[in-house]
């Protein structure tokens, strides 16, 4: 799983990227 800091609307969030068993990329963000 990769994690990248990302600034959205003046707020810092973390973008998480993972790959499931079928090879699909899953992206989701969590607030700091």
PDB file of N, CA and C in Angstrom:
ATOM      1  N   UNK A   1       0.846  -1.168   0.000  1.00  0.00           N
ATOM      2  CA  UNK A   1       0.000   0.000   0.000  1.00  0.00           C
ATOM      3  C   UNK A   1       0.895   1.236   0.000  1.00  0.00           C
ATOM      4  N   UNK A   2       0.600   2.181  -0.856  1.00  0.00           N
ATOM      5  CA  UNK A   2       1.359   3.427  -0.934  1.00  0.00           C
ATOM      6  C   UNK A   2       0.563   4.545  -0.270  1.00  0.00           C
ATOM      7  N   UNK A   3       1.259   5.478   0.348  1.00  0.00           N
ATOM      8  CA  UNK A   3       0.629   6.622   1.005  1.00  0.00           C
ATOM      9  C   UNK A   3       1.273   7.901   0.502  1.00  0.00           C
ATOM     10  N   UNK A   4       0.444   8.882   0.148  1.00  0.00           N
ATOM     11  CA  UNK A   4       0.957  10.169  -0.317  1.00  0.00           C
ATOM     12  C   UNK A   4       0.192  11.288   0.372  1.00  0.00           C
ATOM     13  N   UNK A   5       0.904  12.316   0.887  1.00  0.00           N
ATOM     14  CA  UNK A   5       0.185  13.489   1.395  1.00  0.00           C
ATOM     15  C   UNK A   5      -0.398  14.273   0.224  1.00  0.00           C
ATOM     16  N   UNK A   6      -1.572  14.827   0.407  1.00  0.00           N
ATOM     17  CA  UNK A   6      -2.285  15.508  -0.671  1.00  0.00           C
ATOM     18  C   UNK A   6      -3.029  16.692  -0.072  1.00  0.00           C
ATOM     19  N   UNK A   7      -2.916  17.861  -0.690  1.00  0.00           N
ATOM     20  CA  UNK A   7      -3.611  19.044  -0.177  1.00  0.00           C
ATOM     21  C   UNK A   7      -4.894  19.238  -0.979  1.00  0.00           C
ATOM     22  N   UNK A   8      -6.036  19.234  -0.283  1.00  0.00           N
ATOM     23  CA  UNK A   8      -7.338  19.375  -0.930  1.00  0.00           C
ATOM     24  C   UNK A   8      -8.097  20.501  -0.234  1.00  0.00           C
ATOM     25  N   UNK A   9      -8.422  21.549  -0.971  1.00  0.00           N
ATOM     26  CA  UNK A   9      -9.191  22.653  -0.404  1.00  0.00           C
ATOM     27  C   UNK A   9      -8.543  23.286   0.811  1.00  0.00           C
ATOM     28  N   UNK A  10      -7.222  23.371   0.825  1.00  0.00           N
ATOM     29  CA  UNK A  10      -6.509  23.966   1.940  1.00  0.00           C
ATOM     30  C   UNK A  10      -6.283  23.030   3.111  1.00  0.00           C
ATOM     31  N   UNK A  11      -6.740  21.785   3.020  1.00  0.00           N
ATOM     32  CA  UNK A  11      -6.564  20.808   4.095  1.00  0.00           C
ATOM     33  C   UNK A  11      -5.672  19.681   3.610  1.00  0.00           C
ATOM     34  N   UNK A  12      -4.815  19.210   4.488  1.00  0.00           N
ATOM     35  CA  UNK A  12      -3.953  18.080   4.146  1.00  0.00           C
ATOM     36  C   UNK A  12      -4.710  16.784   4.368  1.00  0.00           C
ATOM     37  N   UNK A  13      -4.622  15.888   3.386  1.00  0.00           N
ATOM     38  CA  UNK A  13      -5.227  14.568   3.487  1.00  0.00           C
ATOM     39  C   UNK A  13      -4.185  13.560   3.037  1.00  0.00           C
ATOM     40  N   UNK A  14      -4.403  12.328   3.360  1.00  0.00           N
ATOM     41  CA  UNK A  14      -3.510  11.263   2.913  1.00  0.00           C
ATOM     42  C   UNK A  14      -4.229  10.408   1.888  1.00  0.00           C
ATOM     43  N   UNK A  15      -3.576  10.231   0.744  1.00  0.00           N
ATOM     44  CA  UNK A  15      -4.104   9.374  -0.316  1.00  0.00           C
ATOM     45  C   UNK A  15      -3.480   7.995  -0.150  1.00  0.00           C
ATOM     46  N   UNK A  16      -4.324   7.000   0.013  1.00  0.00           N
ATOM     47  CA  UNK A  16      -3.874   5.612   0.133  1.00  0.00           C
ATOM     48  C   UNK A  16      -4.197   4.888  -1.159  1.00  0.00           C
ATOM     49  N   UNK A  17      -3.253   4.135  -1.662  1.00  0.00           N
ATOM     50  CA  UNK A  17      -3.442   3.394  -2.907  1.00  0.00           C
ATOM     51  C   UNK A  17      -3.035   1.949  -2.667  1.00  0.00           C
ATOM     52  N   UNK A  18      -3.918   1.035  -3.014  1.00  0.00           N
ATOM     53  CA  UNK A  18      -3.646  -0.384  -2.838  1.00  0.00           C
ATOM     54  C   UNK A  18      -4.148  -1.132  -4.066  1.00  0.00           C
ATOM     55  N   UNK A  19      -3.686  -2.353  -4.230  1.00  0.00           N
ATOM     56  CA  UNK A  19      -4.116  -3.208  -5.340  1.00  0.00           C
ATOM     57  C   UNK A  19      -4.743  -4.461  -4.744  1.00  0.00           C
ATOM     58  N   UNK A  20      -5.966  -4.779  -5.180  1.00  0.00           N
ATOM     59  CA  UNK A  20      -6.633  -5.972  -4.650  1.00  0.00           C
ATOM     60  C   UNK A  20      -6.182  -7.221  -5.402  1.00  0.00           C
ATOM     61  N   UNK A  21      -6.719  -8.365  -5.015  1.00  0.00           N
ATOM     62  CA  UNK A  21      -6.295  -9.649  -5.599  1.00  0.00           C
ATOM     63  C   UNK A  21      -6.570  -9.743  -7.094  1.00  0.00           C
ATOM     64  N   UNK A  22      -7.598  -9.020  -7.568  1.00  0.00           N
ATOM     65  CA  UNK A  22      -7.946  -9.048  -8.988  1.00  0.00           C
ATOM     66  C   UNK A  22      -7.099  -8.072  -9.805  1.00  0.00           C
ATOM     67  N   UNK A  23      -6.223  -7.309  -9.131  1.00  0.00           N
ATOM     68  CA  UNK A  23      -5.371  -6.359  -9.830  1.00  0.00           C
ATOM     69  C   UNK A  23      -5.983  -4.979  -9.985  1.00  0.00           C
ATOM     70  N   UNK A  24      -7.133  -4.750  -9.345  1.00  0.00           N
ATOM     71  CA  UNK A  24      -7.770  -3.440  -9.403  1.00  0.00           C
ATOM     72  C   UNK A  24      -7.097  -2.485  -8.420  1.00  0.00           C
ATOM     73  N   UNK A  25      -6.923  -1.238  -8.834  1.00  0.00           N
ATOM     74  CA  UNK A  25      -6.332  -0.227  -7.958  1.00  0.00           C
ATOM     75  C   UNK A  25      -7.434   0.410  -7.127  1.00  0.00           C
ATOM     76  N   UNK A  26      -7.217   0.457  -5.824  1.00  0.00           N
ATOM     77  CA  UNK A  26      -8.173   1.063  -4.904  1.00  0.00           C
ATOM     78  C   UNK A  26      -7.548   2.334  -4.346  1.00  0.00           C
ATOM     79  N   UNK A  27      -8.220   3.467  -4.518  1.00  0.00           N
ATOM     80  CA  UNK A  27      -7.745   4.746  -3.992  1.00  0.00           C
ATOM     81  C   UNK A  27      -8.753   5.250  -2.968  1.00  0.00           C
ATOM     82  N   UNK A  28      -8.258   5.738  -1.843  1.00  0.00           N
ATOM     83  CA  UNK A  28      -9.135   6.381  -0.876  1.00  0.00           C
ATOM     84  C   UNK A  28      -8.326   7.392  -0.084  1.00  0.00           C
ATOM     85  N   UNK A  29      -9.025   8.389   0.470  1.00  0.00           N
ATOM     86  CA  UNK A  29      -8.354   9.444   1.225  1.00  0.00           C
ATOM     87  C   UNK A  29      -8.857   9.455   2.656  1.00  0.00           C
ATOM     88  N   UNK A  30      -7.975   9.864   3.559  1.00  0.00           N
ATOM     89  CA  UNK A  30      -8.321  10.036   4.966  1.00  0.00           C
ATOM     90  C   UNK A  30      -7.824  11.401   5.404  1.00  0.00           C
ATOM     91  N   UNK A  31      -8.642  12.140   6.166  1.00  0.00           N
ATOM     92  CA  UNK A  31      -8.176  13.437   6.664  1.00  0.00           C
ATOM     93  C   UNK A  31      -7.053  13.256   7.666  1.00  0.00           C
ATOM     94  N   UNK A  32      -6.226  14.269   7.782  1.00  0.00           N
ATOM     95  CA  UNK A  32      -5.098  14.216   8.714  1.00  0.00           C
ATOM     96  C   UNK A  32      -5.587  14.237  10.144  1.00  0.00           C
TER      97      UNK A  32
END
